[in-house]
Amino acid sequence: MSDYDALLVVSFGGPEGPDEVMPFLENVLRGKPVPRERMLEVAEHYQHFGGVSPINEQNRQLIASLEHELADHGLQLPIYWGNRNWHPLLADTLRQMADEGVQRALAFFTSAYSSYSGCRQYREDIARAQEIVGRGAPQIDKLRVFFNHPGFIEPLVESVRECLARIPQERREQTPLLFTAHSIPLVMADNCRYVMQLQEACRLVAAGVDHENWELVYQSRSGSPHQPWLEPDICDRIAELHANNQLTDLVILPVGFISDHMEVLFDLDTEARELCEKLGINMQRAATVGTHPRFIEMIRLLVEERLGESSARLCLGNFGPSHDVCPVDCCLYNPRPVGAASQS
């Protein structure tokens, strides 16, 4: 057994009350030339839900489920949790880990895909936290990305199948299945496998429900309109499909997210749903994996891989399992002098 003595869950973080919204967004946008009006626009999204992002509570639920899963399989690993932008912050968590004698930990990032913001930036966040803690800071090794792991794909297949079943059979085959993911700048996408991995995850889910009428679209774009980002936008595509085909039914799966946090609740369950209601479209939104037992099992299996307790490296499709250790130049990003606000 490898000498890992803890598991660290690494995530984005989010406010948990109205008074936390602006300090949280200032953390997110520090050093980025994002106009204040954009910050205020995003702040209003949070205030629409009482100033509370669901992401922290969703991470608490994930950790609670994972603690039971590890214990049920004899894995004595305490679970810690650190965020990029809001409490518990990574530096505070690593200091706690050091104080409690943790020397080497595995890290689970709440992102299924390879990109700067979903992987490399978290590794940079950890490195900064280690510098802050100083001597005695634990070594952190991340688990591989899991975009094609059956424990991620199979719950999504189940979720989409349930949505399709709610559409009359005679209309089902013609119903578009739109997969959504967070848009990122093209200059970021050009230096990572984000789009390729997303396309593969979409293909695997669509094949799992035997539905050929699907495509990948994007949501939650923020930043300068002069900088190209991944397109098309979900609402733009819905409007286009309706104009071309008098769309009747639609299934949306936020394949780029592992839980129903703010970007899902606002951009899909609020904005996209309002558009569909206006156009008379029956919109079915498939659930993210959340704390699905198969997904929680997947995290445990990824841990066992790195502990040396399992030689199986499960994956589906054409690309094989992702690497355990990121190459030095993996997901590099040199942003242009514009910024982007992100929600969670």
Protein backbone atom coordinates (compact mmCIF):
# COMPACT_ATOMS: atom_id res chain seq x y z
CA MET A 1 0.00 0.00 0.00
CA SER A 2 1.35 3.46 -0.91
CA ASP A 3 2.05 5.83 1.94
CA TYR A 4 -0.80 8.27 1.37
CA ASP A 5 -2.41 9.28 4.61
CA ALA A 6 -5.32 11.53 3.53
CA LEU A 7 -7.63 12.53 0.68
CA LEU A 8 -8.12 16.19 -0.23
CA VAL A 9 -11.24 17.33 -2.09
CA VAL A 10 -10.37 20.43 -4.12
CA SER A 11 -13.11 22.71 -5.44
CA PHE A 12 -14.03 26.24 -6.50
CA GLY A 13 -15.94 27.50 -3.47
CA GLY A 14 -18.94 29.78 -3.24
CA PRO A 15 -20.70 32.26 -0.95
CA GLU A 16 -23.09 31.03 1.71
CA GLY A 17 -24.94 34.27 2.42
CA PRO A 18 -25.69 37.68 0.89
CA ASP A 19 -22.83 39.39 2.73
CA GLU A 20 -20.31 36.93 1.28
CA VAL A 21 -21.18 37.44 -2.39
CA MET A 22 -19.04 40.49 -3.14
CA PRO A 23 -15.98 39.37 -1.10
CA PHE A 24 -16.19 36.01 -2.88
CA LEU A 25 -16.37 37.62 -6.33
CA GLU A 26 -13.48 39.92 -5.45
CA ASN A 27 -11.44 36.79 -4.70
CA VAL A 28 -12.46 35.24 -8.00
CA LEU A 29 -11.64 38.36 -10.01
CA ARG A 30 -8.56 39.62 -8.19
CA GLY A 31 -5.93 40.61 -10.73
CA LYS A 32 -8.34 40.27 -13.65
CA PRO A 33 -9.45 43.41 -15.52
CA VAL A 34 -13.13 42.53 -15.40
CA PRO A 35 -15.49 45.55 -15.48
CA ARG A 36 -17.29 46.21 -12.21
CA GLU A 37 -20.64 46.05 -14.00
CA ARG A 38 -19.90 42.43 -14.89
CA MET A 39 -19.14 41.67 -11.25
CA LEU A 40 -22.43 43.27 -10.21
CA GLU A 41 -24.30 41.26 -12.85
CA VAL A 42 -22.89 38.00 -11.52
CA ALA A 43 -23.58 39.12 -7.94
CA GLU A 44 -27.24 39.52 -8.86
CA HIS A 45 -27.32 35.90 -10.00
CA TYR A 46 -26.32 34.85 -6.50
CA GLN A 47 -28.77 37.24 -4.82
CA HIS A 48 -31.50 35.63 -6.94
CA PHE A 49 -30.86 32.55 -4.76
CA GLY A 50 -30.50 34.35 -1.45
CA GLY A 51 -26.77 34.94 -1.87
CA VAL A 52 -26.04 31.25 -1.40
CA SER A 53 -24.20 29.06 -3.88
CA PRO A 54 -25.18 25.41 -3.47
CA ILE A 55 -21.67 24.19 -4.30
CA ASN A 56 -20.37 24.12 -0.72
CA GLU A 57 -23.31 22.11 0.58
CA GLN A 58 -23.04 19.78 -2.39
CA ASN A 59 -19.36 19.22 -1.55
CA ARG A 60 -20.28 18.49 2.07
CA GLN A 61 -22.74 15.87 0.87
CA LEU A 62 -20.16 14.39 -1.49
CA ILE A 63 -17.59 14.17 1.33
CA ALA A 64 -20.09 12.56 3.70
CA SER A 65 -20.98 9.94 1.09
CA LEU A 66 -17.33 9.35 0.31
CA GLU A 67 -16.43 8.90 3.98
CA HIS A 68 -18.97 6.07 4.20
CA GLU A 69 -17.72 4.55 0.93
CA LEU A 70 -14.09 4.51 2.07
CA ALA A 71 -14.97 3.16 5.51
CA ASP A 72 -17.15 0.40 4.04
CA HIS A 73 -14.14 -0.77 2.02
CA GLY A 74 -11.57 -0.55 4.79
CA LEU A 75 -9.79 2.57 3.55
CA GLN A 76 -8.66 4.56 6.56
CA LEU A 77 -8.13 7.92 4.89
CA PRO A 78 -9.38 11.13 6.52
CA ILE A 79 -10.96 13.50 4.01
CA TYR A 80 -10.08 17.19 3.94
CA TRP A 81 -11.61 19.91 1.79
CA GLY A 82 -10.10 23.08 0.34
CA ASN A 83 -11.40 25.68 -2.11
CA ARG A 84 -9.81 28.09 -4.55
CA ASN A 85 -11.98 31.11 -3.81
CA TRP A 86 -13.92 30.74 -0.55
CA HIS A 87 -13.82 29.05 2.81
CA PRO A 88 -12.47 26.53 3.51
CA LEU A 89 -9.53 27.96 1.55
CA LEU A 90 -6.76 25.65 0.43
CA ALA A 91 -4.04 27.35 2.49
CA ASP A 92 -6.09 26.97 5.68
CA THR A 93 -6.85 23.34 4.87
CA LEU A 94 -3.22 22.45 4.13
CA ARG A 95 -2.16 24.12 7.38
CA GLN A 96 -4.70 21.99 9.25
CA MET A 97 -3.43 18.89 7.47
CA ALA A 98 0.15 19.71 8.42
CA ASP A 99 -0.84 20.34 12.04
CA GLU A 100 -2.57 16.95 12.12
CA GLY A 101 0.46 15.13 10.78
CA VAL A 102 -0.58 14.55 7.17
CA GLN A 103 2.52 14.17 5.04
CA ARG A 104 1.24 12.92 1.70
CA ALA A 105 -2.31 13.15 0.34
CA LEU A 106 -4.22 12.31 -2.79
CA ALA A 107 -6.40 15.04 -4.27
CA PHE A 108 -9.77 14.73 -5.99
CA PHE A 109 -10.57 17.78 -8.14
CA THR A 110 -14.29 18.43 -8.72
CA SER A 111 -13.71 18.66 -12.48
CA ALA A 112 -13.89 15.73 -14.89
CA TYR A 113 -11.87 17.36 -17.67
CA SER A 114 -8.40 18.67 -18.48
CA SER A 115 -8.11 22.45 -18.83
CA TYR A 116 -6.25 25.29 -17.22
CA SER A 117 -9.13 26.33 -14.96
CA GLY A 118 -10.23 22.77 -14.19
CA CYS A 119 -6.82 21.20 -13.51
CA ARG A 120 -3.60 23.17 -13.87
CA GLN A 121 -4.90 26.21 -12.00
CA TYR A 122 -5.91 24.00 -9.07
CA ARG A 123 -2.41 22.54 -9.05
CA GLU A 124 -1.04 26.08 -8.97
CA ASP A 125 -3.44 26.91 -6.13
CA ILE A 126 -2.11 23.95 -4.17
CA ALA A 127 1.49 24.98 -4.82
CA ARG A 128 0.76 28.50 -3.50
CA ALA A 129 -0.94 27.05 -0.44
CA GLN A 130 2.09 24.84 0.20
CA GLU A 131 4.34 27.91 0.02
CA ILE A 132 2.12 29.73 2.53
CA VAL A 133 2.18 26.80 4.94
CA GLY A 134 5.90 26.41 4.46
CA ARG A 135 7.99 23.62 5.89
CA GLY A 136 5.84 20.65 6.79
CA ALA A 137 3.18 21.29 4.14
CA PRO A 138 1.89 17.96 2.85
CA GLN A 139 2.74 16.63 -0.59
CA ILE A 140 -0.38 16.50 -2.77
CA ASP A 141 -0.82 14.16 -5.76
CA LYS A 142 -3.98 14.53 -7.85
CA LEU A 143 -6.15 11.68 -9.07
CA ARG A 144 -6.59 11.33 -12.84
CA VAL A 145 -9.38 13.08 -14.70
CA PHE A 146 -12.42 10.88 -15.11
CA PHE A 147 -14.34 12.13 -18.17
CA ASN A 148 -14.52 8.59 -19.60
CA HIS A 149 -14.76 6.57 -16.39
CA PRO A 150 -17.85 4.32 -16.27
CA GLY A 151 -18.62 5.65 -12.79
CA PHE A 152 -19.10 9.10 -14.32
CA ILE A 153 -20.72 8.12 -17.63
CA GLU A 154 -23.20 5.50 -16.40
CA PRO A 155 -25.09 7.80 -13.97
CA LEU A 156 -25.39 10.37 -16.76
CA VAL A 157 -26.79 7.73 -19.10
CA GLU A 158 -29.34 6.88 -16.44
CA SER A 159 -30.26 10.54 -16.00
CA VAL A 160 -30.71 11.21 -19.72
CA ARG A 161 -32.72 8.01 -20.17
CA GLU A 162 -35.14 9.20 -17.48
CA CYS A 163 -35.58 12.52 -19.29
CA LEU A 164 -36.18 10.90 -22.68
CA ALA A 165 -38.76 8.61 -21.10
CA ARG A 166 -40.81 11.69 -20.15
CA ILE A 167 -41.13 12.66 -23.83
CA PRO A 168 -43.85 10.94 -25.90
CA GLN A 169 -42.31 8.07 -27.82
CA GLU A 170 -43.41 9.36 -31.22
CA ARG A 171 -41.42 12.60 -30.61
CA ARG A 172 -38.44 11.12 -28.84
CA GLU A 173 -36.17 10.38 -31.80
CA GLN A 174 -36.48 13.95 -33.10
CA THR A 175 -35.75 15.48 -29.69
CA PRO A 176 -32.36 17.22 -29.56
CA LEU A 177 -30.06 16.23 -26.71
CA LEU A 178 -27.90 19.23 -25.87
CA PHE A 179 -24.83 18.64 -23.74
CA THR A 180 -23.57 21.78 -22.02
CA ALA A 181 -20.22 22.69 -20.53
CA HIS A 182 -18.59 25.85 -19.24
CA SER A 183 -17.28 27.93 -22.12
CA ILE A 184 -13.60 28.89 -21.94
CA PRO A 185 -11.46 31.22 -24.09
CA LEU A 186 -10.29 29.65 -27.35
CA VAL A 187 -6.68 30.40 -26.44
CA MET A 188 -7.19 28.24 -23.34
CA ALA A 189 -9.00 25.50 -25.24
CA ASP A 190 -6.21 25.33 -27.84
CA ASN A 191 -3.70 24.16 -25.21
CA CYS A 192 -5.63 21.38 -23.53
CA ARG A 193 -7.84 18.38 -24.21
CA TYR A 194 -11.00 19.98 -22.84
CA VAL A 195 -13.08 19.91 -26.03
CA MET A 196 -11.87 16.46 -27.10
CA GLN A 197 -12.69 15.00 -23.68
CA LEU A 198 -16.09 16.68 -23.62
CA GLN A 199 -16.93 15.35 -27.07
CA GLU A 200 -15.96 11.85 -25.98
CA ALA A 201 -18.07 12.04 -22.82
CA CYS A 202 -21.04 13.27 -24.88
CA ARG A 203 -20.57 10.49 -27.42
CA LEU A 204 -20.45 7.87 -24.68
CA VAL A 205 -23.62 9.12 -23.00
CA ALA A 206 -25.49 9.44 -26.31
CA ALA A 207 -24.44 5.92 -27.26
CA GLY A 208 -25.58 4.69 -23.85
CA VAL A 209 -29.12 5.93 -24.53
CA ASP A 210 -28.95 5.08 -28.25
CA HIS A 211 -29.77 8.66 -29.26
CA GLU A 212 -28.14 10.09 -32.37
CA ASN A 213 -29.63 13.59 -32.29
CA TRP A 214 -27.12 15.30 -29.99
CA GLU A 215 -24.55 18.08 -29.91
CA LEU A 216 -22.23 19.90 -27.51
CA VAL A 217 -22.95 23.54 -26.68
CA TYR A 218 -21.59 25.90 -24.05
CA GLN A 219 -22.80 28.12 -21.25
CA SER A 220 -21.67 30.62 -18.61
CA ARG A 221 -19.39 32.64 -20.87
CA SER A 222 -18.09 35.77 -19.19
CA GLY A 223 -15.34 38.14 -20.15
CA SER A 224 -14.49 40.57 -22.91
CA PRO A 225 -16.71 40.29 -26.01
CA HIS A 226 -13.53 40.90 -28.04
CA GLN A 227 -11.97 37.61 -26.92
CA PRO A 228 -13.26 34.49 -28.71
CA TRP A 229 -14.69 31.77 -26.46
CA LEU A 230 -16.09 28.34 -27.20
CA GLU A 231 -19.50 28.46 -28.88
CA PRO A 232 -22.40 28.08 -29.51
CA ASP A 233 -24.08 29.40 -26.39
CA ILE A 234 -26.91 27.21 -25.09
CA CYS A 235 -29.63 29.86 -25.36
CA ASP A 236 -28.50 30.98 -28.81
CA ARG A 237 -28.61 27.38 -30.00
CA ILE A 238 -32.07 26.76 -28.54
CA ALA A 239 -33.39 29.83 -30.35
CA GLU A 240 -31.75 28.73 -33.60
CA LEU A 241 -33.11 25.18 -33.39
CA HIS A 242 -36.58 26.48 -32.70
CA ALA A 243 -36.43 28.93 -35.60
CA ASN A 244 -35.34 26.17 -37.97
CA ASN A 245 -37.48 23.28 -36.77
CA GLN A 246 -40.27 24.60 -34.52
CA LEU A 247 -38.69 22.70 -31.64
CA THR A 248 -41.18 20.83 -29.44
CA ASP A 249 -39.01 18.96 -26.94
CA LEU A 250 -35.48 19.32 -25.64
CA VAL A 251 -33.20 17.43 -23.23
CA ILE A 252 -30.27 19.29 -21.65
CA LEU A 253 -27.46 17.57 -19.77
CA PRO A 254 -24.80 19.76 -18.08
CA VAL A 255 -22.09 17.20 -18.83
CA GLY A 256 -19.35 19.67 -17.92
CA PHE A 257 -20.39 19.84 -14.25
CA ILE A 258 -20.47 17.23 -11.49
CA SER A 259 -23.12 18.96 -9.36
CA ASP A 260 -26.08 21.31 -9.76
CA HIS A 261 -24.35 24.46 -8.57
CA MET A 262 -25.01 28.11 -9.43
CA GLU A 263 -24.15 27.99 -13.13
CA VAL A 264 -26.54 25.09 -13.61
CA LEU A 265 -29.29 26.65 -11.51
CA PHE A 266 -29.09 30.08 -13.15
CA ASP A 267 -27.91 29.52 -16.71
CA LEU A 268 -29.98 26.39 -17.33
CA ASP A 269 -32.79 26.10 -14.77
CA THR A 270 -33.52 29.84 -14.92
CA GLU A 271 -32.41 31.44 -18.21
CA ALA A 272 -32.66 28.45 -20.57
CA ARG A 273 -35.93 27.30 -19.00
CA GLU A 274 -37.45 30.78 -19.30
CA LEU A 275 -36.48 30.83 -22.98
CA CYS A 276 -38.00 27.38 -23.54
CA GLU A 277 -41.23 28.40 -21.81
CA LYS A 278 -41.41 31.51 -23.97
CA LEU A 279 -40.95 29.42 -27.13
CA GLY A 280 -43.31 26.65 -26.01
CA ILE A 281 -40.57 24.01 -25.73
CA ASN A 282 -40.88 21.09 -23.35
CA MET A 283 -37.44 21.27 -21.68
CA GLN A 284 -36.16 18.32 -19.67
CA ARG A 285 -32.97 18.98 -17.71
CA ALA A 286 -30.95 15.88 -16.80
CA ALA A 287 -29.28 15.76 -13.41
CA THR A 288 -25.54 15.88 -12.82
CA VAL A 289 -23.82 12.97 -11.04
CA GLY A 290 -23.87 14.67 -7.62
CA THR A 291 -23.68 11.94 -5.00
CA HIS A 292 -24.90 9.10 -7.20
CA PRO A 293 -23.60 5.86 -5.59
CA ARG A 294 -21.83 4.85 -8.79
CA PHE A 295 -19.97 8.17 -8.87
CA ILE A 296 -18.96 7.93 -5.21
CA GLU A 297 -17.74 4.40 -5.91
CA MET A 298 -15.72 5.79 -8.82
CA ILE A 299 -13.82 8.16 -6.53
CA ARG A 300 -13.00 5.25 -4.24
CA LEU A 301 -11.79 3.21 -7.21
CA LEU A 302 -9.55 6.07 -8.33
CA VAL A 303 -8.08 6.21 -4.83
CA GLU A 304 -7.46 2.47 -4.85
CA GLU A 305 -5.63 2.80 -8.18
CA ARG A 306 -3.12 5.20 -6.64
CA LEU A 307 -2.83 3.24 -3.43
CA GLY A 308 -1.77 0.25 -5.48
CA GLU A 309 -4.71 -1.81 -4.27
CA SER A 310 -6.20 -2.23 -7.75
CA SER A 311 -4.53 -2.74 -11.10
CA ALA A 312 -7.76 -1.96 -12.97
CA ARG A 313 -7.82 1.48 -14.61
CA LEU A 314 -11.43 1.61 -15.74
CA CYS A 315 -12.43 3.70 -18.72
CA LEU A 316 -14.81 3.64 -21.66
CA GLY A 317 -14.42 4.58 -25.29
CA ASN A 318 -11.44 5.30 -27.46
CA PHE A 319 -8.92 7.25 -25.40
CA GLY A 320 -7.93 5.04 -22.51
CA PRO A 321 -7.35 6.23 -18.93
CA SER A 322 -5.81 9.66 -18.47
CA HIS A 323 -2.35 10.15 -16.99
CA ASP A 324 -1.78 10.21 -13.23
CA VAL A 325 1.00 12.80 -13.29
CA CYS A 326 0.46 15.86 -15.48
CA PRO A 327 3.29 16.73 -17.90
CA VAL A 328 5.14 19.97 -17.19
CA ASP A 329 3.46 21.75 -20.11
CA CYS A 330 -0.01 20.29 -19.52
CA CYS A 331 -2.88 22.78 -19.97
CA LEU A 332 -0.68 25.86 -20.18
CA TYR A 333 -2.56 29.14 -20.51
CA ASN A 334 -1.24 32.62 -21.20
CA PRO A 335 -4.31 34.83 -20.95
CA ARG A 336 -4.68 37.95 -22.97
CA PRO A 337 -5.21 41.14 -20.95
CA VAL A 338 -8.89 40.54 -20.40
CA GLY A 339 -10.61 38.65 -17.61
CA ALA A 340 -13.61 36.49 -16.92
CA ALA A 341 -15.99 36.12 -14.03
CA SER A 342 -16.90 32.57 -13.14
CA GLN A 343 -19.70 31.37 -10.90
CA SER A 344 -20.00 28.29 -8.75
